[in-house]
C-alpha atoms as a PDB file:
ATOM      1  CA  UNK A   1      -8.341 -25.257  75.479  1.00  0.00           C
ATOM      2  CA  UNK A   2      -5.813 -25.723  78.270  1.00  0.00           C
ATOM      3  CA  UNK A   3      -5.056 -21.998  78.337  1.00  0.00           C
ATOM      4  CA  UNK A   4      -8.717 -20.912  78.566  1.00  0.00           C
ATOM      5  CA  UNK A   5      -9.820 -19.438  81.872  1.00  0.00           C
ATOM      6  CA  UNK A   6     -13.414 -18.360  82.505  1.00  0.00           C
ATOM      7  CA  UNK A   7     -13.518 -14.700  83.508  1.00  0.00           C
ATOM      8  CA  UNK A   8     -17.042 -14.681  84.933  1.00  0.00           C
ATOM      9  CA  UNK A   9     -17.525 -15.744  88.548  1.00  0.00           C
ATOM     10  CA  UNK A  10     -19.398 -18.976  89.213  1.00  0.00           C
ATOM     11  CA  UNK A  11     -21.813 -19.622  92.069  1.00  0.00           C
ATOM     12  CA  UNK A  12     -22.146 -23.283  93.080  1.00  0.00           C
ATOM     13  CA  UNK A  13     -25.013 -24.148  95.424  1.00  0.00           C
ATOM     14  CA  UNK A  14     -24.687 -27.497  97.178  1.00  0.00           C
ATOM     15  CA  UNK A  15     -26.670 -29.334  99.833  1.00  0.00           C
ATOM     16  CA  UNK A  16     -26.678 -33.093 100.362  1.00  0.00           C
ATOM     17  CA  UNK A  17     -25.767 -34.759  97.053  1.00  0.00           C
ATOM     18  CA  UNK A  18     -22.045 -35.465  96.955  1.00  0.00           C
ATOM     19  CA  UNK A  19     -22.227 -37.400  93.647  1.00  0.00           C
ATOM     20  CA  UNK A  20     -23.907 -34.478  91.883  1.00  0.00           C
ATOM     21  CA  UNK A  21     -21.516 -32.036  93.544  1.00  0.00           C
ATOM     22  CA  UNK A  22     -18.588 -34.094  92.244  1.00  0.00           C
ATOM     23  CA  UNK A  23     -19.872 -34.035  88.632  1.00  0.00           C
ATOM     24  CA  UNK A  24     -20.658 -30.319  88.657  1.00  0.00           C
ATOM     25  CA  UNK A  25     -17.372 -29.479  90.360  1.00  0.00           C
ATOM     26  CA  UNK A  26     -15.472 -31.373  87.653  1.00  0.00           C
ATOM     27  CA  UNK A  27     -17.156 -29.243  84.969  1.00  0.00           C
ATOM     28  CA  UNK A  28     -16.274 -26.110  86.941  1.00  0.00           C
ATOM     29  CA  UNK A  29     -12.682 -27.293  87.240  1.00  0.00           C
ATOM     30  CA  UNK A  30     -12.490 -27.635  83.457  1.00  0.00           C
ATOM     31  CA  UNK A  31     -13.868 -24.103  82.981  1.00  0.00           C
ATOM     32  CA  UNK A  32     -11.154 -22.746  85.310  1.00  0.00           C
ATOM     33  CA  UNK A  33     -13.075 -19.747  86.695  1.00  0.00           C
ATOM     34  CA  UNK A  34     -11.216 -16.855  88.272  1.00  0.00           C
ATOM     35  CA  UNK A  35     -13.748 -16.767  91.128  1.00  0.00           C
ATOM     36  CA  UNK A  36     -15.873 -19.508  92.659  1.00  0.00           C
ATOM     37  CA  UNK A  37     -18.526 -18.905  95.301  1.00  0.00           C
ATOM     38  CA  UNK A  38     -19.776 -22.039  97.054  1.00  0.00           C
ATOM     39  CA  UNK A  39     -23.010 -21.836  99.032  1.00  0.00           C
ATOM     40  CA  UNK A  40     -24.137 -24.705 101.271  1.00  0.00           C
ATOM     41  CA  UNK A  41     -27.174 -24.750 103.513  1.00  0.00           C
ATOM     42  CA  UNK A  42     -26.929 -26.900 106.608  1.00  0.00           C
ATOM     43  CA  UNK A  43     -28.670 -30.177 107.429  1.00  0.00           C
ATOM     44  CA  UNK A  44     -32.106 -30.405 109.005  1.00  0.00           C
ATOM     45  CA  UNK A  45     -31.989 -31.744 112.548  1.00  0.00           C
ATOM     46  CA  UNK A  46     -35.047 -33.966 112.043  1.00  0.00           C
ATOM     47  CA  UNK A  47     -33.646 -35.842 109.007  1.00  0.00           C
ATOM     48  CA  UNK A  48     -31.470 -38.827 109.961  1.00  0.00           C
ATOM     49  CA  UNK A  49     -28.346 -39.111 107.838  1.00  0.00           C
ATOM     50  CA  UNK A  50     -28.677 -35.672 106.296  1.00  0.00           C
ATOM     51  CA  UNK A  51     -25.736 -34.211 108.248  1.00  0.00           C
ATOM     52  CA  UNK A  52     -23.460 -36.910 106.839  1.00  0.00           C
ATOM     53  CA  UNK A  53     -24.666 -36.275 103.271  1.00  0.00           C
ATOM     54  CA  UNK A  54     -24.144 -32.519 103.648  1.00  0.00           C
ATOM     55  CA  UNK A  55     -20.654 -33.142 105.043  1.00  0.00           C
ATOM     56  CA  UNK A  56     -19.840 -35.447 102.117  1.00  0.00           C
ATOM     57  CA  UNK A  57     -20.934 -32.788  99.597  1.00  0.00           C
ATOM     58  CA  UNK A  58     -18.786 -30.186 101.367  1.00  0.00           C
ATOM     59  CA  UNK A  59     -15.837 -32.610 101.374  1.00  0.00           C
ATOM     60  CA  UNK A  60     -15.937 -32.614  97.561  1.00  0.00           C
ATOM     61  CA  UNK A  61     -15.238 -28.877  97.688  1.00  0.00           C
ATOM     62  CA  UNK A  62     -12.465 -29.389 100.244  1.00  0.00           C
ATOM     63  CA  UNK A  63     -10.736 -31.969  98.033  1.00  0.00           C
ATOM     64  CA  UNK A  64     -11.235 -29.979  94.851  1.00  0.00           C
ATOM     65  CA  UNK A  65      -9.773 -26.734  96.143  1.00  0.00           C
ATOM     66  CA  UNK A  66      -6.263 -27.870  95.321  1.00  0.00           C
ATOM     67  CA  UNK A  67      -7.028 -28.883  91.721  1.00  0.00           C
ATOM     68  CA  UNK A  68      -8.947 -25.780  90.656  1.00  0.00           C
ATOM     69  CA  UNK A  69      -6.057 -23.365  90.185  1.00  0.00           C
ATOM     70  CA  UNK A  70      -8.395 -20.531  91.090  1.00  0.00           C
ATOM     71  CA  UNK A  71      -7.684 -16.914  91.556  1.00  0.00           C
ATOM     72  CA  UNK A  72     -10.156 -16.792  94.450  1.00  0.00           C
ATOM     73  CA  UNK A  73     -12.522 -19.172  96.202  1.00  0.00           C
ATOM     74  CA  UNK A  74     -15.170 -18.142  98.715  1.00  0.00           C
ATOM     75  CA  UNK A  75     -17.335 -20.411 100.886  1.00  0.00           C
ATOM     76  CA  UNK A  76     -20.592 -19.682 102.687  1.00  0.00           C
ATOM     77  CA  UNK A  77     -21.472 -22.807 104.678  1.00  0.00           C
ATOM     78  CA  UNK A  78     -24.379 -22.748 107.113  1.00  0.00           C
ATOM     79  CA  UNK A  79     -24.100 -24.994 110.188  1.00  0.00           C
ATOM     80  CA  UNK A  80     -27.816 -25.851 110.152  1.00  0.00           C
ATOM     81  CA  UNK A  81     -30.856 -25.535 107.880  1.00  0.00           C
ATOM     82  CA  UNK A  82     -32.242 -22.042 107.432  1.00  0.00           C
ATOM     83  CA  UNK A  83     -35.480 -20.775 105.919  1.00  0.00           C
ATOM     84  CA  UNK A  84     -35.127 -20.612 102.143  1.00  0.00           C
ATOM     85  CA  UNK A  85     -35.758 -16.850 101.934  1.00  0.00           C
ATOM     86  CA  UNK A  86     -33.184 -16.186 104.657  1.00  0.00           C
ATOM     87  CA  UNK A  87     -30.682 -18.528 103.043  1.00  0.00           C
ATOM     88  CA  UNK A  88     -30.938 -16.927  99.596  1.00  0.00           C
ATOM     89  CA  UNK A  89     -30.919 -13.401 100.976  1.00  0.00           C
ATOM     90  CA  UNK A  90     -27.915 -14.084 103.166  1.00  0.00           C
ATOM     91  CA  UNK A  91     -25.982 -15.956 100.497  1.00  0.00           C
ATOM     92  CA  UNK A  92     -26.445 -13.445  97.734  1.00  0.00           C
ATOM     93  CA  UNK A  93     -25.797 -10.494 100.040  1.00  0.00           C
ATOM     94  CA  UNK A  94     -22.561 -12.234 100.969  1.00  0.00           C
ATOM     95  CA  UNK A  95     -21.625 -12.743  97.291  1.00  0.00           C
ATOM     96  CA  UNK A  96     -22.318  -9.097  96.588  1.00  0.00           C
ATOM     97  CA  UNK A  97     -20.025  -8.042  99.434  1.00  0.00           C
ATOM     98  CA  UNK A  98     -17.243 -10.477  98.523  1.00  0.00           C
ATOM     99  CA  UNK A  99     -17.124  -9.887  94.797  1.00  0.00           C
ATOM    100  CA  UNK A 100     -15.932  -6.966  92.763  1.00  0.00           C
ATOM    101  CA  UNK A 101     -18.102  -8.303  89.955  1.00  0.00           C
ATOM    102  CA  UNK A 102     -21.035  -6.051  89.161  1.00  0.00           C
ATOM    103  CA  UNK A 103     -23.639  -6.576  86.488  1.00  0.00           C
ATOM    104  CA  UNK A 104     -23.931  -3.740  83.985  1.00  0.00           C
ATOM    105  CA  UNK A 105     -27.227  -1.908  83.975  1.00  0.00           C
ATOM    106  CA  UNK A 106     -28.999  -1.693  80.580  1.00  0.00           C
END
């Protein structure tokens, strides 16, 4: 399976759980996607320690970039927490703009 490379793009959404990010990122690394989109919302100002956890989750992506052997990697990292509707709308609009991947209509 060493020569297998996933042709579909993958979207990875992270926040403040570096251990979970590490496990999921390892599975993505094994799938060897040609495109990876990483979305990260920012920390909430009123939650002590959340900024550090968000930074640790993002650091997993920074370290993993060199072991993925990707065709393309895109990152959409927010500096601070946004409303969920705004975050999803912004993130998926960004993916749509950045990717040549289009879903086929039935």
